[in-house]
Amino acid sequence: MRRITGIVLITIGAFLVTLAPLMRFYAADRLISAPADQYVVTKLQAEDAQYFSTGDLKVLTGNLDITVTTRGDVAAATGDQVVWDEFTAVNDVTNNRQGISFNQRRSAFNRYTGEGVNCCGSNVEKEPVNLSGQVYLFPFGTQKKAYKVFNGTARQAFEARFVGEETVNGLAVYKFEQSVPQTRTQTLTAPASVLGMTQSGDVQVERFYDGVVTYWVEPTSGVPVKQEQQRHEVLKTEDGVERSVAFVATARMTPATVGELVAKAVDAKGQINLLKVTVPLILLIVGLVFVIAGLLVVARWRSSRRARI
């Protein structure tokens, strides 16, 4: 009976020891993923922003409130990919202008890596886009290196460089900066007179965007907990002359939004560490204890058997 008990203990221990690296290097990576049922509202503010008001036909300066609502399309999520829809509304608080800008975006990306996937009707302003680079999330286990990140305004991915380590609300983060070169984003018509031109009627103008986007990322979970967008958009006529500001602002996440994102990142980091460190370590230790206990039981059984002989 003692021999059987020892063998059972060794078998269970060997199983647990084998399970530990499987949990660490395989199972955990399949369990850690972006949610299909995402729902989050983030708020940003931009002080002394300038924008061309289509209602006033002139450039206004004011403080802006920006609300971004992101909702997961659970029905569209399949296999390794999830689909999130985003809607952005901008209000001018200073001049009491509601809804000066509305934008929408639909993105599909790999739930394990955060990389864009071209499927499921991905679009910006209802226009199809080819997604590439990181979308919403950096990789789990973010490294101190550059990553391509999809920029929704320019509708393409640009490199986000690692620029240092900081803390946000006491949480250690990596800081990345993405510089977007001047990119044409829209073609439209506008009255020549409001653009300071002497000719009559409407003229065709191109909208150009460039800017710098800064991300503060919790590296274990890959969750951005803070973001700042420096946007510079202008209107140019076909001759390449800059005629007017379209939108110039520096938008920063509000302290409340940063606090919420930090709390989510801390929770995600804790779950990841539990799956990749704590659980495998416990399995390894318990497994070794079972193996050693089993070997001791078998050794005692052999000793007692020799004694009887």
Protein backbone atom coordinates (compact mmCIF):
# COMPACT_ATOMS: atom_id res chain seq x y z
CA MET A 1 0.00 0.00 0.00
CA ARG A 2 2.84 2.36 0.89
CA ARG A 3 4.52 1.66 -2.47
CA ILE A 4 1.30 2.47 -4.37
CA THR A 5 0.87 5.69 -2.37
CA GLY A 6 4.41 6.73 -3.23
CA ILE A 7 3.96 6.02 -6.93
CA VAL A 8 0.68 8.01 -6.96
CA LEU A 9 2.40 10.96 -5.25
CA ILE A 10 5.28 10.85 -7.78
CA THR A 11 2.83 10.67 -10.71
CA ILE A 12 0.78 13.63 -9.48
CA GLY A 13 3.94 15.61 -8.76
CA ALA A 14 5.42 14.89 -12.20
CA PHE A 15 2.14 16.00 -13.80
CA LEU A 16 2.14 19.28 -11.87
CA VAL A 17 5.82 19.93 -12.67
CA THR A 18 5.09 19.33 -16.37
CA LEU A 19 1.98 21.52 -16.21
CA ALA A 20 3.89 24.51 -14.78
CA PRO A 21 5.86 25.43 -17.95
CA LEU A 22 2.83 24.67 -20.12
CA MET A 23 0.83 27.19 -18.10
CA ARG A 24 3.68 29.71 -18.22
CA PHE A 25 4.58 29.51 -21.91
CA TYR A 26 1.41 28.31 -23.65
CA ALA A 27 -1.85 28.34 -21.72
CA ALA A 28 -1.31 31.80 -20.21
CA ASP A 29 -0.69 33.32 -23.63
CA ARG A 30 -3.99 31.88 -24.87
CA LEU A 31 -5.93 33.04 -21.81
CA ILE A 32 -4.57 36.60 -21.89
CA SER A 33 -6.43 38.49 -24.60
CA ALA A 34 -8.31 41.69 -25.44
CA PRO A 35 -12.04 41.43 -24.62
CA ALA A 36 -14.64 41.10 -27.35
CA ASP A 37 -17.22 42.93 -25.20
CA GLN A 38 -15.12 46.05 -24.63
CA TYR A 39 -16.99 49.15 -23.49
CA VAL A 40 -15.13 52.23 -22.31
CA VAL A 41 -15.66 55.98 -22.42
CA THR A 42 -12.54 58.16 -22.38
CA LYS A 43 -12.45 61.93 -22.13
CA LEU A 44 -9.85 64.42 -23.32
CA GLN A 45 -9.54 68.20 -23.10
CA ALA A 46 -7.82 70.70 -25.37
CA GLU A 47 -7.21 74.24 -24.15
CA ASP A 48 -7.00 77.20 -26.53
CA ALA A 49 -7.64 75.05 -29.57
CA GLN A 50 -8.18 76.61 -32.98
CA TYR A 51 -10.56 75.21 -35.56
CA PHE A 52 -12.41 76.33 -38.65
CA SER A 53 -16.09 76.58 -37.74
CA THR A 54 -18.28 75.68 -40.72
CA GLY A 55 -21.23 77.36 -39.05
CA ASP A 56 -19.41 80.65 -38.51
CA LEU A 57 -17.19 80.39 -41.62
CA LYS A 58 -14.18 81.50 -39.60
CA VAL A 59 -11.53 80.20 -37.26
CA LEU A 60 -12.56 80.07 -33.59
CA THR A 61 -10.42 79.62 -30.48
CA GLY A 62 -11.77 77.77 -27.48
CA ASN A 63 -11.46 75.01 -24.91
CA LEU A 64 -12.68 71.66 -26.19
CA ASP A 65 -14.20 68.63 -24.50
CA ILE A 66 -13.61 65.39 -26.39
CA THR A 67 -15.48 62.16 -25.63
CA VAL A 68 -14.41 58.86 -27.17
CA THR A 69 -16.77 55.88 -26.81
CA THR A 70 -15.37 52.46 -27.70
CA ARG A 71 -17.66 49.44 -27.89
CA GLY A 72 -16.84 45.87 -28.89
CA ASP A 73 -18.90 44.16 -31.59
CA VAL A 74 -19.24 40.77 -29.89
CA ALA A 75 -21.06 39.18 -32.83
CA ALA A 76 -18.18 40.04 -35.18
CA ALA A 77 -15.47 38.56 -32.93
CA THR A 78 -14.18 35.22 -34.21
CA GLY A 79 -11.17 33.09 -33.34
CA ASP A 80 -8.13 35.25 -32.73
CA GLN A 81 -9.73 38.58 -33.65
CA VAL A 82 -11.99 41.13 -32.02
CA VAL A 83 -13.78 44.13 -33.52
CA TRP A 84 -14.19 47.46 -31.74
CA ASP A 85 -16.26 50.45 -32.89
CA GLU A 86 -15.24 53.95 -31.84
CA PHE A 87 -17.19 57.22 -31.88
CA THR A 88 -15.64 60.60 -31.07
CA ALA A 89 -17.61 63.77 -30.29
CA VAL A 90 -16.01 67.20 -29.82
CA ASN A 91 -17.68 70.17 -28.10
CA ASP A 92 -16.44 73.77 -27.88
CA VAL A 93 -17.05 74.81 -24.27
CA THR A 94 -15.77 78.37 -24.64
CA ASN A 95 -17.99 79.36 -27.57
CA ASN A 96 -20.89 77.09 -26.61
CA ARG A 97 -20.66 75.08 -29.84
CA GLN A 98 -21.92 71.52 -29.44
CA GLY A 99 -20.85 68.81 -31.82
CA ILE A 100 -18.26 70.76 -33.77
CA SER A 101 -16.84 67.43 -34.89
CA PHE A 102 -18.04 63.82 -35.03
CA ASN A 103 -15.83 60.94 -36.10
CA GLN A 104 -16.31 57.20 -36.28
CA ARG A 105 -14.01 54.27 -36.80
CA ARG A 106 -14.29 50.47 -36.91
CA SER A 107 -11.22 48.35 -36.23
CA ALA A 108 -10.48 44.64 -36.22
CA PHE A 109 -7.34 43.38 -34.52
CA ASN A 110 -5.71 40.25 -33.13
CA ARG A 111 -6.89 39.78 -29.55
CA TYR A 112 -3.51 38.34 -28.47
CA THR A 113 -1.03 40.69 -30.19
CA GLY A 114 -3.08 43.88 -30.70
CA GLU A 115 -2.10 44.01 -34.39
CA GLY A 116 -4.60 45.19 -36.99
CA VAL A 117 -6.52 42.68 -39.11
CA ASN A 118 -8.15 43.55 -42.42
CA CYS A 119 -11.65 42.20 -42.11
CA CYS A 120 -15.09 42.80 -40.72
CA GLY A 121 -15.72 46.14 -42.42
CA SER A 122 -12.81 48.02 -40.87
CA ASN A 123 -13.19 51.68 -41.79
CA VAL A 124 -12.64 55.33 -40.87
CA GLU A 125 -15.60 57.59 -41.56
CA LYS A 126 -17.26 54.73 -43.49
CA GLU A 127 -14.31 54.55 -45.89
CA PRO A 128 -12.50 51.17 -45.96
CA VAL A 129 -8.96 51.15 -44.58
CA ASN A 130 -6.09 48.68 -44.54
CA LEU A 131 -5.22 48.20 -40.90
CA SER A 132 -1.63 47.54 -39.85
CA GLY A 133 0.46 47.99 -36.73
CA GLN A 134 -0.89 48.12 -33.19
CA VAL A 135 -4.54 49.09 -32.82
CA TYR A 136 -5.68 50.31 -29.38
CA LEU A 137 -3.28 48.04 -27.46
CA PHE A 138 0.46 47.48 -27.42
CA PRO A 139 1.62 43.84 -27.19
CA PHE A 140 1.42 41.97 -23.92
CA GLY A 141 4.94 42.26 -22.53
CA THR A 142 5.71 45.52 -24.35
CA GLN A 143 9.44 45.98 -25.00
CA LYS A 144 11.64 49.08 -25.02
CA LYS A 145 11.61 49.38 -28.80
CA ALA A 146 9.69 51.05 -31.61
CA TYR A 147 6.27 49.75 -32.69
CA LYS A 148 4.17 50.59 -35.71
CA VAL A 149 0.87 52.07 -34.45
CA PHE A 150 -2.16 52.72 -36.66
CA ASN A 151 -3.12 56.40 -36.80
CA GLY A 152 -6.82 56.84 -37.48
CA THR A 153 -6.54 60.39 -38.82
CA ALA A 154 -3.79 59.64 -41.34
CA ARG A 155 -5.31 56.17 -41.92
CA GLN A 156 -1.99 54.37 -41.87
CA ALA A 157 0.57 53.09 -39.38
CA PHE A 158 3.61 55.07 -38.27
CA GLU A 159 6.44 54.19 -35.93
CA ALA A 160 6.02 54.99 -32.23
CA ARG A 161 9.49 55.28 -30.69
CA PHE A 162 10.31 54.26 -27.12
CA VAL A 163 11.55 57.43 -25.41
CA GLY A 164 11.81 56.48 -21.75
CA GLU A 165 10.32 55.18 -18.53
CA GLU A 166 7.99 57.18 -16.32
CA THR A 167 5.30 56.69 -13.69
CA VAL A 168 1.63 57.59 -14.04
CA ASN A 169 -0.32 57.68 -10.78
CA GLY A 170 2.43 55.59 -9.23
CA LEU A 171 2.34 52.96 -12.01
CA ALA A 172 5.56 52.26 -13.93
CA VAL A 173 5.03 52.81 -17.66
CA TYR A 174 6.92 53.05 -20.94
CA LYS A 175 6.59 56.24 -22.95
CA PHE A 176 6.29 56.17 -26.75
CA GLU A 177 6.11 59.02 -29.27
CA GLN A 178 4.67 58.79 -32.76
CA SER A 179 5.45 61.58 -35.24
CA VAL A 180 3.07 61.74 -38.20
CA PRO A 181 4.35 63.61 -41.27
CA GLN A 182 2.06 65.96 -43.14
CA THR A 183 -0.57 63.79 -44.79
CA ARG A 184 -3.50 64.72 -47.01
CA THR A 185 -6.69 63.49 -45.37
CA GLN A 186 -9.60 65.13 -47.17
CA THR A 187 -10.65 67.04 -50.29
CA LEU A 188 -13.50 69.56 -50.00
CA THR A 189 -14.78 72.89 -51.28
CA ALA A 190 -15.02 76.21 -49.43
CA PRO A 191 -15.96 79.80 -50.30
CA ALA A 192 -12.88 81.58 -51.60
CA SER A 193 -13.77 84.70 -49.62
CA VAL A 194 -13.51 83.00 -46.22
CA LEU A 195 -10.05 81.77 -47.15
CA GLY A 196 -8.84 85.32 -47.78
CA MET A 197 -8.91 84.96 -51.56
CA THR A 198 -10.15 87.66 -53.91
CA GLN A 199 -11.84 85.39 -56.43
CA SER A 200 -15.56 84.64 -56.21
CA GLY A 201 -17.34 81.34 -55.69
CA ASP A 202 -16.05 78.14 -54.16
CA VAL A 203 -12.56 76.69 -54.47
CA GLN A 204 -11.24 73.20 -53.89
CA VAL A 205 -9.06 72.76 -50.83
CA GLU A 206 -7.08 69.88 -49.38
CA ARG A 207 -6.96 69.16 -45.68
CA PHE A 208 -3.52 68.19 -44.38
CA TYR A 209 -2.72 66.68 -41.01
CA ASP A 210 0.52 66.24 -39.08
CA GLY A 211 1.10 65.72 -35.41
CA VAL A 212 2.69 63.94 -32.50
CA VAL A 213 0.90 61.28 -30.46
CA THR A 214 2.37 60.30 -27.10
CA TYR A 215 1.44 57.05 -25.36
CA TRP A 216 2.17 56.00 -21.79
CA VAL A 217 1.91 52.20 -21.75
CA GLU A 218 1.84 49.71 -18.87
CA PRO A 219 4.28 47.13 -20.33
CA THR A 220 2.99 43.88 -18.83
CA SER A 221 -0.56 44.32 -20.16
CA GLY A 222 0.23 46.62 -23.11
CA VAL A 223 -2.56 48.96 -21.98
CA PRO A 224 -2.09 52.69 -22.76
CA VAL A 225 -3.02 54.50 -19.55
CA LYS A 226 -2.44 58.04 -20.80
CA GLN A 227 -2.39 59.73 -24.18
CA GLU A 228 -1.63 63.15 -25.60
CA GLN A 229 -2.33 64.24 -29.18
CA GLN A 230 -0.71 67.28 -30.76
CA ARG A 231 -2.74 67.91 -33.92
CA HIS A 232 -1.95 70.38 -36.68
CA GLU A 233 -4.45 70.46 -39.55
CA VAL A 234 -4.59 73.11 -42.26
CA LEU A 235 -6.44 73.82 -45.49
CA LYS A 236 -4.44 74.30 -48.68
CA THR A 237 -5.59 75.26 -52.15
CA GLU A 238 -4.48 73.37 -55.24
CA ASP A 239 -1.49 75.69 -55.64
CA GLY A 240 -0.09 74.39 -52.33
CA VAL A 241 -0.68 77.62 -50.43
CA GLU A 242 -1.87 77.26 -46.85
CA ARG A 243 -5.10 79.26 -46.61
CA SER A 244 -6.53 78.52 -43.15
CA VAL A 245 -6.29 76.58 -39.94
CA ALA A 246 -8.54 73.52 -39.96
CA PHE A 247 -7.81 72.19 -36.48
CA VAL A 248 -4.84 72.96 -34.22
CA ALA A 249 -4.88 71.63 -30.67
CA THR A 250 -3.13 69.60 -28.01
CA ALA A 251 -5.59 67.14 -26.50
CA ARG A 252 -4.83 65.41 -23.22
CA MET A 253 -6.75 62.75 -21.31
CA THR A 254 -8.51 64.05 -18.22
CA PRO A 255 -7.18 63.02 -14.78
CA ALA A 256 -10.37 61.00 -14.19
CA THR A 257 -9.89 59.03 -17.41
CA VAL A 258 -6.22 58.44 -16.63
CA GLY A 259 -7.19 57.17 -13.18
CA GLU A 260 -9.70 54.72 -14.64
CA LEU A 261 -7.22 53.43 -17.21
CA VAL A 262 -4.50 53.02 -14.59
CA ALA A 263 -6.88 50.98 -12.42
CA LYS A 264 -7.71 48.72 -15.39
CA ALA A 265 -4.03 48.31 -16.24
CA VAL A 266 -3.18 47.39 -12.63
CA ASP A 267 -5.95 44.78 -12.66
CA ALA A 268 -4.82 43.39 -16.02
CA LYS A 269 -1.20 43.29 -14.87
CA GLY A 270 -2.23 41.40 -11.73
CA GLN A 271 -4.17 38.80 -13.73
CA ILE A 272 -1.29 38.34 -16.16
CA ASN A 273 1.24 37.91 -13.37
CA LEU A 274 -1.10 35.43 -11.70
CA LEU A 275 -1.30 33.32 -14.86
CA LYS A 276 2.32 33.66 -15.96
CA VAL A 277 4.16 33.74 -12.63
CA THR A 278 2.16 32.87 -9.52
CA VAL A 279 0.18 29.86 -10.79
CA PRO A 280 3.14 28.22 -12.62
CA LEU A 281 5.35 28.75 -9.55
CA ILE A 282 2.75 27.20 -7.25
CA LEU A 283 2.33 24.25 -9.63
CA LEU A 284 6.10 23.75 -9.75
CA ILE A 285 6.56 23.93 -5.97
CA VAL A 286 3.58 21.68 -5.17
CA GLY A 287 4.67 19.27 -7.88
CA LEU A 288 8.20 19.03 -6.48
CA VAL A 289 6.82 18.52 -2.97
CA PHE A 290 4.64 15.65 -4.23
CA VAL A 291 7.58 14.07 -6.09
CA ILE A 292 9.89 14.31 -3.07
CA ALA A 293 7.18 13.00 -0.76
CA GLY A 294 6.53 10.10 -3.13
CA LEU A 295 10.22 9.25 -3.35
CA LEU A 296 10.47 9.27 0.44
CA VAL A 297 7.46 6.98 0.79
CA VAL A 298 8.87 4.55 -1.80
CA ALA A 299 12.30 4.67 -0.10
CA ARG A 300 10.74 3.82 3.29
CA TRP A 301 8.77 1.00 1.72
CA ARG A 302 11.97 -0.45 0.25
CA SER A 303 13.78 -0.09 3.58
CA SER A 304 11.01 -1.83 5.49
CA ARG A 305 10.89 -4.59 2.88
CA ARG A 306 14.65 -5.23 3.20
CA ALA A 307 14.27 -5.28 6.98
CA ARG A 308 11.65 -8.01 6.74
CA ILE A 309 13.90 -10.04 4.46
